[in-house]
N, C-alpha and C. Protein backbone atom coordinates (compact mmCIF):
# COMPACT_ATOMS: atom_id res chain seq x y z
N UNK A 1 24.00 104.50 -78.44
CA UNK A 1 22.60 104.25 -78.18
C UNK A 1 22.33 104.37 -76.68
N UNK A 2 21.14 104.82 -76.37
CA UNK A 2 20.73 104.92 -74.97
C UNK A 2 19.72 103.82 -74.68
N UNK A 3 19.84 103.24 -73.50
CA UNK A 3 18.97 102.15 -73.09
C UNK A 3 18.51 102.38 -71.67
N UNK A 4 17.40 101.74 -71.33
CA UNK A 4 16.98 101.68 -69.93
C UNK A 4 16.58 100.25 -69.62
N UNK A 5 16.89 99.84 -68.42
CA UNK A 5 16.63 98.47 -68.01
C UNK A 5 16.02 98.48 -66.62
N UNK A 6 14.97 97.70 -66.46
CA UNK A 6 14.36 97.51 -65.16
C UNK A 6 14.40 96.03 -64.86
N UNK A 7 14.86 95.69 -63.69
CA UNK A 7 14.87 94.29 -63.31
C UNK A 7 14.37 94.14 -61.89
N UNK A 8 13.80 92.97 -61.63
CA UNK A 8 13.20 92.67 -60.33
C UNK A 8 14.05 91.61 -59.65
N UNK A 9 14.43 91.89 -58.42
CA UNK A 9 15.28 91.00 -57.65
C UNK A 9 14.42 90.32 -56.58
N UNK A 10 14.76 89.11 -56.25
CA UNK A 10 14.06 88.34 -55.23
C UNK A 10 13.96 89.12 -53.92
N UNK A 11 12.81 89.09 -53.25
CA UNK A 11 12.67 89.82 -51.98
C UNK A 11 13.50 89.19 -50.85
N UNK A 12 13.93 87.95 -51.04
CA UNK A 12 14.74 87.28 -50.03
C UNK A 12 16.20 87.71 -50.06
N UNK A 13 16.61 88.42 -51.11
CA UNK A 13 17.99 88.86 -51.25
C UNK A 13 18.25 90.04 -50.32
N UNK A 14 19.33 89.97 -49.56
CA UNK A 14 19.64 91.04 -48.61
C UNK A 14 20.08 92.30 -49.35
N UNK A 15 20.10 93.41 -48.64
CA UNK A 15 20.50 94.70 -49.24
C UNK A 15 21.94 94.65 -49.71
N UNK A 16 22.81 93.97 -48.97
CA UNK A 16 24.22 93.88 -49.36
C UNK A 16 24.37 93.07 -50.65
N UNK A 17 23.64 91.97 -50.76
CA UNK A 17 23.71 91.13 -51.96
C UNK A 17 23.11 91.87 -53.16
N UNK A 18 22.08 92.67 -52.91
CA UNK A 18 21.50 93.47 -53.99
C UNK A 18 22.51 94.49 -54.49
N UNK A 19 23.20 95.14 -53.58
CA UNK A 19 24.24 96.10 -53.97
C UNK A 19 25.37 95.42 -54.74
N UNK A 20 25.74 94.20 -54.32
CA UNK A 20 26.78 93.45 -55.03
C UNK A 20 26.33 93.12 -56.45
N UNK A 21 25.06 92.76 -56.62
CA UNK A 21 24.53 92.45 -57.94
C UNK A 21 24.54 93.69 -58.83
N UNK A 22 24.14 94.82 -58.28
CA UNK A 22 24.16 96.07 -59.05
C UNK A 22 25.58 96.42 -59.46
N UNK A 23 26.53 96.26 -58.55
CA UNK A 23 27.94 96.52 -58.85
C UNK A 23 28.44 95.59 -59.96
N UNK A 24 28.04 94.34 -59.92
CA UNK A 24 28.42 93.37 -60.95
C UNK A 24 27.87 93.79 -62.32
N UNK A 25 26.64 94.26 -62.35
CA UNK A 25 26.01 94.70 -63.60
C UNK A 25 26.71 95.95 -64.13
N UNK A 26 27.00 96.89 -63.24
CA UNK A 26 27.69 98.13 -63.64
C UNK A 26 29.07 97.80 -64.22
N UNK A 27 29.79 96.90 -63.58
CA UNK A 27 31.11 96.51 -64.09
C UNK A 27 31.02 95.85 -65.46
N UNK A 28 29.97 95.05 -65.67
CA UNK A 28 29.78 94.39 -66.97
C UNK A 28 29.52 95.43 -68.06
N UNK A 29 28.73 96.45 -67.74
CA UNK A 29 28.45 97.51 -68.72
C UNK A 29 29.70 98.33 -69.01
N UNK A 30 30.43 98.69 -67.96
CA UNK A 30 31.63 99.49 -68.14
C UNK A 30 32.75 98.71 -68.83
N UNK A 31 32.78 97.39 -68.69
CA UNK A 31 33.79 96.58 -69.36
C UNK A 31 33.61 96.61 -70.87
N UNK A 32 32.38 96.86 -71.32
CA UNK A 32 32.10 96.95 -72.75
C UNK A 32 32.00 98.41 -73.21
N UNK A 33 32.65 99.29 -72.46
CA UNK A 33 32.74 100.72 -72.78
C UNK A 33 31.39 101.43 -72.77
N UNK A 34 30.52 100.99 -71.89
CA UNK A 34 29.24 101.66 -71.69
C UNK A 34 29.33 102.63 -70.53
N UNK A 35 28.39 103.56 -70.47
CA UNK A 35 28.36 104.52 -69.37
C UNK A 35 27.00 104.47 -68.69
N UNK A 36 27.03 104.55 -67.38
CA UNK A 36 25.82 104.52 -66.57
C UNK A 36 25.33 105.95 -66.40
N UNK A 37 24.06 106.19 -66.71
CA UNK A 37 23.48 107.53 -66.54
C UNK A 37 22.78 107.66 -65.18
N UNK A 38 22.03 106.62 -64.81
CA UNK A 38 21.28 106.67 -63.55
C UNK A 38 20.98 105.26 -63.06
N UNK A 39 20.95 105.12 -61.74
CA UNK A 39 20.53 103.87 -61.10
C UNK A 39 19.60 104.26 -59.96
N UNK A 40 18.43 103.64 -59.94
CA UNK A 40 17.47 103.90 -58.87
C UNK A 40 16.96 102.58 -58.31
N UNK A 41 17.00 102.45 -57.01
CA UNK A 41 16.37 101.31 -56.37
C UNK A 41 14.96 101.77 -55.99
N UNK A 42 13.97 101.22 -56.68
CA UNK A 42 12.60 101.68 -56.51
C UNK A 42 11.90 101.03 -55.31
N UNK A 43 12.55 100.08 -54.70
CA UNK A 43 12.01 99.47 -53.49
C UNK A 43 11.20 98.22 -53.76
N UNK A 44 10.62 97.70 -52.70
CA UNK A 44 9.86 96.46 -52.77
C UNK A 44 8.42 96.79 -53.17
N UNK A 45 7.93 96.07 -54.19
CA UNK A 45 6.56 96.26 -54.66
C UNK A 45 5.89 94.90 -54.79
N UNK A 46 4.59 94.91 -54.61
CA UNK A 46 3.79 93.69 -54.70
C UNK A 46 3.44 93.41 -56.15
N UNK A 47 3.50 92.13 -56.55
CA UNK A 47 3.16 91.71 -57.90
C UNK A 47 1.64 91.55 -58.03
N UNK A 48 1.16 91.64 -59.25
CA UNK A 48 -0.25 91.38 -59.52
C UNK A 48 -0.55 89.88 -59.44
N UNK A 49 0.46 89.07 -59.72
CA UNK A 49 0.34 87.61 -59.63
C UNK A 49 1.70 87.07 -59.20
N UNK A 50 1.72 85.85 -58.72
CA UNK A 50 2.98 85.29 -58.21
C UNK A 50 3.91 84.94 -59.36
N UNK A 51 5.18 85.24 -59.17
CA UNK A 51 6.23 84.92 -60.12
C UNK A 51 7.28 84.11 -59.39
N UNK A 52 7.52 82.88 -59.85
CA UNK A 52 8.47 81.97 -59.21
C UNK A 52 8.19 81.83 -57.71
N UNK A 53 6.91 81.75 -57.38
CA UNK A 53 6.42 81.59 -56.00
C UNK A 53 6.67 82.82 -55.13
N UNK A 54 6.98 83.97 -55.72
CA UNK A 54 7.13 85.22 -54.98
C UNK A 54 5.92 86.10 -55.24
N UNK A 55 5.49 86.82 -54.22
CA UNK A 55 4.38 87.75 -54.36
C UNK A 55 4.85 89.21 -54.43
N UNK A 56 6.15 89.44 -54.20
CA UNK A 56 6.71 90.78 -54.27
C UNK A 56 8.18 90.70 -54.66
N UNK A 57 8.75 91.84 -55.03
CA UNK A 57 10.14 91.87 -55.43
C UNK A 57 10.71 93.27 -55.35
N UNK A 58 12.02 93.37 -55.35
CA UNK A 58 12.71 94.67 -55.31
C UNK A 58 12.98 95.13 -56.74
N UNK A 59 12.47 96.29 -57.09
CA UNK A 59 12.63 96.83 -58.44
C UNK A 59 13.85 97.73 -58.51
N UNK A 60 14.62 97.58 -59.59
CA UNK A 60 15.81 98.40 -59.82
C UNK A 60 15.77 98.90 -61.25
N UNK A 61 15.98 100.21 -61.41
CA UNK A 61 15.91 100.87 -62.72
C UNK A 61 17.28 101.44 -63.06
N UNK A 62 17.73 101.24 -64.31
CA UNK A 62 19.02 101.76 -64.75
C UNK A 62 18.88 102.42 -66.12
N UNK A 63 19.60 103.51 -66.30
CA UNK A 63 19.75 104.13 -67.61
C UNK A 63 21.22 104.07 -67.97
N UNK A 64 21.51 103.66 -69.20
CA UNK A 64 22.90 103.57 -69.63
C UNK A 64 22.99 103.75 -71.12
N UNK A 65 24.21 103.98 -71.59
CA UNK A 65 24.43 104.10 -73.03
C UNK A 65 25.63 103.26 -73.42
N UNK A 66 25.65 102.86 -74.69
CA UNK A 66 26.74 102.03 -75.17
C UNK A 66 26.32 101.30 -76.43
N UNK A 67 27.13 100.35 -76.84
CA UNK A 67 26.87 99.59 -78.05
C UNK A 67 25.86 98.47 -77.83
N UNK A 68 25.44 97.86 -78.91
CA UNK A 68 24.44 96.80 -78.86
C UNK A 68 24.91 95.54 -78.17
N UNK A 69 26.23 95.30 -78.13
CA UNK A 69 26.74 94.09 -77.50
C UNK A 69 26.51 94.10 -75.98
N UNK A 70 26.29 95.28 -75.43
CA UNK A 70 26.00 95.38 -73.99
C UNK A 70 24.70 94.67 -73.67
N UNK A 71 23.71 94.80 -74.55
CA UNK A 71 22.39 94.24 -74.28
C UNK A 71 22.45 92.72 -74.17
N UNK A 72 23.13 92.07 -75.11
CA UNK A 72 23.21 90.61 -75.05
C UNK A 72 23.95 90.14 -73.81
N UNK A 73 25.01 90.83 -73.45
CA UNK A 73 25.76 90.49 -72.24
C UNK A 73 24.91 90.68 -71.00
N UNK A 74 24.21 91.81 -70.95
CA UNK A 74 23.38 92.13 -69.80
C UNK A 74 22.23 91.14 -69.65
N UNK A 75 21.58 90.79 -70.75
CA UNK A 75 20.47 89.85 -70.67
C UNK A 75 20.93 88.45 -70.30
N UNK A 76 22.11 88.04 -70.76
CA UNK A 76 22.67 86.76 -70.32
C UNK A 76 22.96 86.76 -68.82
N UNK A 77 23.46 87.89 -68.33
CA UNK A 77 23.72 88.02 -66.91
C UNK A 77 22.42 87.92 -66.11
N UNK A 78 21.36 88.57 -66.59
CA UNK A 78 20.06 88.49 -65.92
C UNK A 78 19.51 87.07 -65.95
N UNK A 79 19.60 86.40 -67.10
CA UNK A 79 19.04 85.06 -67.25
C UNK A 79 19.69 84.04 -66.33
N UNK A 80 21.00 84.16 -66.15
CA UNK A 80 21.72 83.16 -65.38
C UNK A 80 21.96 83.54 -63.93
N UNK A 81 21.36 84.63 -63.48
CA UNK A 81 21.42 85.01 -62.08
C UNK A 81 20.10 84.60 -61.44
N UNK A 82 20.16 83.68 -60.49
CA UNK A 82 18.95 83.12 -59.90
C UNK A 82 18.12 84.15 -59.14
N UNK A 83 18.75 85.16 -58.60
CA UNK A 83 18.03 86.14 -57.79
C UNK A 83 17.26 87.15 -58.62
N UNK A 84 17.50 87.20 -59.94
CA UNK A 84 16.74 88.11 -60.81
C UNK A 84 15.48 87.37 -61.26
N UNK A 85 14.33 87.93 -60.87
CA UNK A 85 13.04 87.30 -61.15
C UNK A 85 12.57 87.64 -62.56
N UNK A 86 12.62 88.92 -62.93
CA UNK A 86 12.21 89.39 -64.25
C UNK A 86 13.09 90.56 -64.66
N UNK A 87 13.15 90.83 -65.98
CA UNK A 87 13.91 91.99 -66.46
C UNK A 87 13.32 92.46 -67.78
N UNK A 88 13.56 93.72 -68.07
CA UNK A 88 13.13 94.32 -69.34
C UNK A 88 14.13 95.40 -69.70
N UNK A 89 14.66 95.33 -70.91
CA UNK A 89 15.60 96.33 -71.41
C UNK A 89 15.05 96.89 -72.71
N UNK A 90 15.00 98.23 -72.82
CA UNK A 90 14.49 98.86 -74.03
C UNK A 90 15.45 99.94 -74.50
N UNK A 91 15.38 100.24 -75.79
CA UNK A 91 16.19 101.31 -76.37
C UNK A 91 15.39 102.59 -76.31
N UNK A 92 16.03 103.66 -75.87
CA UNK A 92 15.38 104.97 -75.79
C UNK A 92 15.66 105.70 -77.10
N UNK A 93 14.62 106.08 -77.79
CA UNK A 93 14.77 106.80 -79.04
C UNK A 93 14.32 108.24 -78.85
N UNK A 94 14.91 109.11 -79.64
CA UNK A 94 14.51 110.51 -79.58
C UNK A 94 13.09 110.63 -80.11
N UNK A 95 12.32 111.51 -79.50
CA UNK A 95 10.95 111.73 -79.97
C UNK A 95 10.98 112.53 -81.25
N UNK A 96 10.16 112.12 -82.18
CA UNK A 96 10.08 112.82 -83.45
C UNK A 96 9.01 113.90 -83.35
N UNK A 97 9.30 115.06 -83.93
CA UNK A 97 8.31 116.13 -83.97
C UNK A 97 7.31 115.82 -85.08
N UNK A 98 6.06 115.83 -84.72
CA UNK A 98 5.02 115.54 -85.68
C UNK A 98 4.27 116.83 -85.96
N UNK A 99 4.19 117.19 -87.24
CA UNK A 99 3.48 118.40 -87.63
C UNK A 99 2.10 117.97 -88.07
N UNK A 100 1.09 118.51 -87.39
CA UNK A 100 -0.29 118.16 -87.72
C UNK A 100 -0.77 119.04 -88.86
N UNK A 101 -1.46 118.42 -89.75
CA UNK A 101 -2.01 119.13 -90.90
C UNK A 101 -3.34 119.75 -90.51
N UNK A 102 -3.55 120.99 -90.87
CA UNK A 102 -4.79 121.68 -90.55
C UNK A 102 -5.78 121.63 -91.72
N UNK A 103 -5.56 120.75 -92.68
CA UNK A 103 -6.41 120.69 -93.86
C UNK A 103 -7.85 120.33 -93.51
N UNK A 104 -8.06 119.45 -92.52
CA UNK A 104 -9.42 119.08 -92.13
C UNK A 104 -10.11 120.26 -91.47
N UNK A 105 -9.38 121.02 -90.70
CA UNK A 105 -9.95 122.19 -90.05
C UNK A 105 -10.34 123.23 -91.09
N UNK A 106 -9.47 123.40 -92.09
CA UNK A 106 -9.77 124.36 -93.15
C UNK A 106 -10.98 123.92 -93.96
N UNK A 107 -11.11 122.61 -94.20
CA UNK A 107 -12.25 122.11 -94.95
C UNK A 107 -13.54 122.31 -94.18
N UNK A 108 -13.52 122.05 -92.88
CA UNK A 108 -14.74 122.18 -92.09
C UNK A 108 -15.16 123.63 -91.97
N UNK A 109 -14.20 124.56 -91.86
CA UNK A 109 -14.56 125.99 -91.81
C UNK A 109 -15.06 126.45 -93.16
N UNK A 110 -14.50 125.89 -94.24
CA UNK A 110 -14.97 126.25 -95.59
C UNK A 110 -16.40 125.75 -95.79
N UNK A 111 -16.71 124.56 -95.29
CA UNK A 111 -18.05 124.02 -95.39
C UNK A 111 -19.04 124.86 -94.60
N UNK A 112 -18.62 125.37 -93.46
CA UNK A 112 -19.50 126.21 -92.64
C UNK A 112 -19.75 127.55 -93.33
N UNK A 113 -18.78 128.06 -94.06
CA UNK A 113 -18.94 129.34 -94.75
C UNK A 113 -19.90 129.24 -95.92
N UNK A 114 -20.08 128.04 -96.47
CA UNK A 114 -21.00 127.84 -97.59
C UNK A 114 -22.45 127.97 -97.16
N UNK A 115 -22.70 127.71 -95.91
CA UNK A 115 -24.08 127.70 -95.43
C UNK A 115 -24.62 129.08 -95.28
């Protein structure tokens, strides 16, 4: 399964501590036989409202693949790390091809031909 996770780190956390946190998360994923596809530090962004008395935070985006047990481990790690303000992990699914039916178009052209 493929997953993507975005988490927000406290703006008070230094760059070195942020890198250590990312390394800790990567090691946790790899310990459960997961693979990291991409990691992006999106930078500091302002919140629409204050979260835990913070008005901004550092956003980090990750793409990874692996089994479902990775998600529970990762979310526990996020919950018990004080410097993580918010997080969201979702499963990436393949897009399904949708074939549109032209029956309504055919009916409307048939109705126009009657006139």
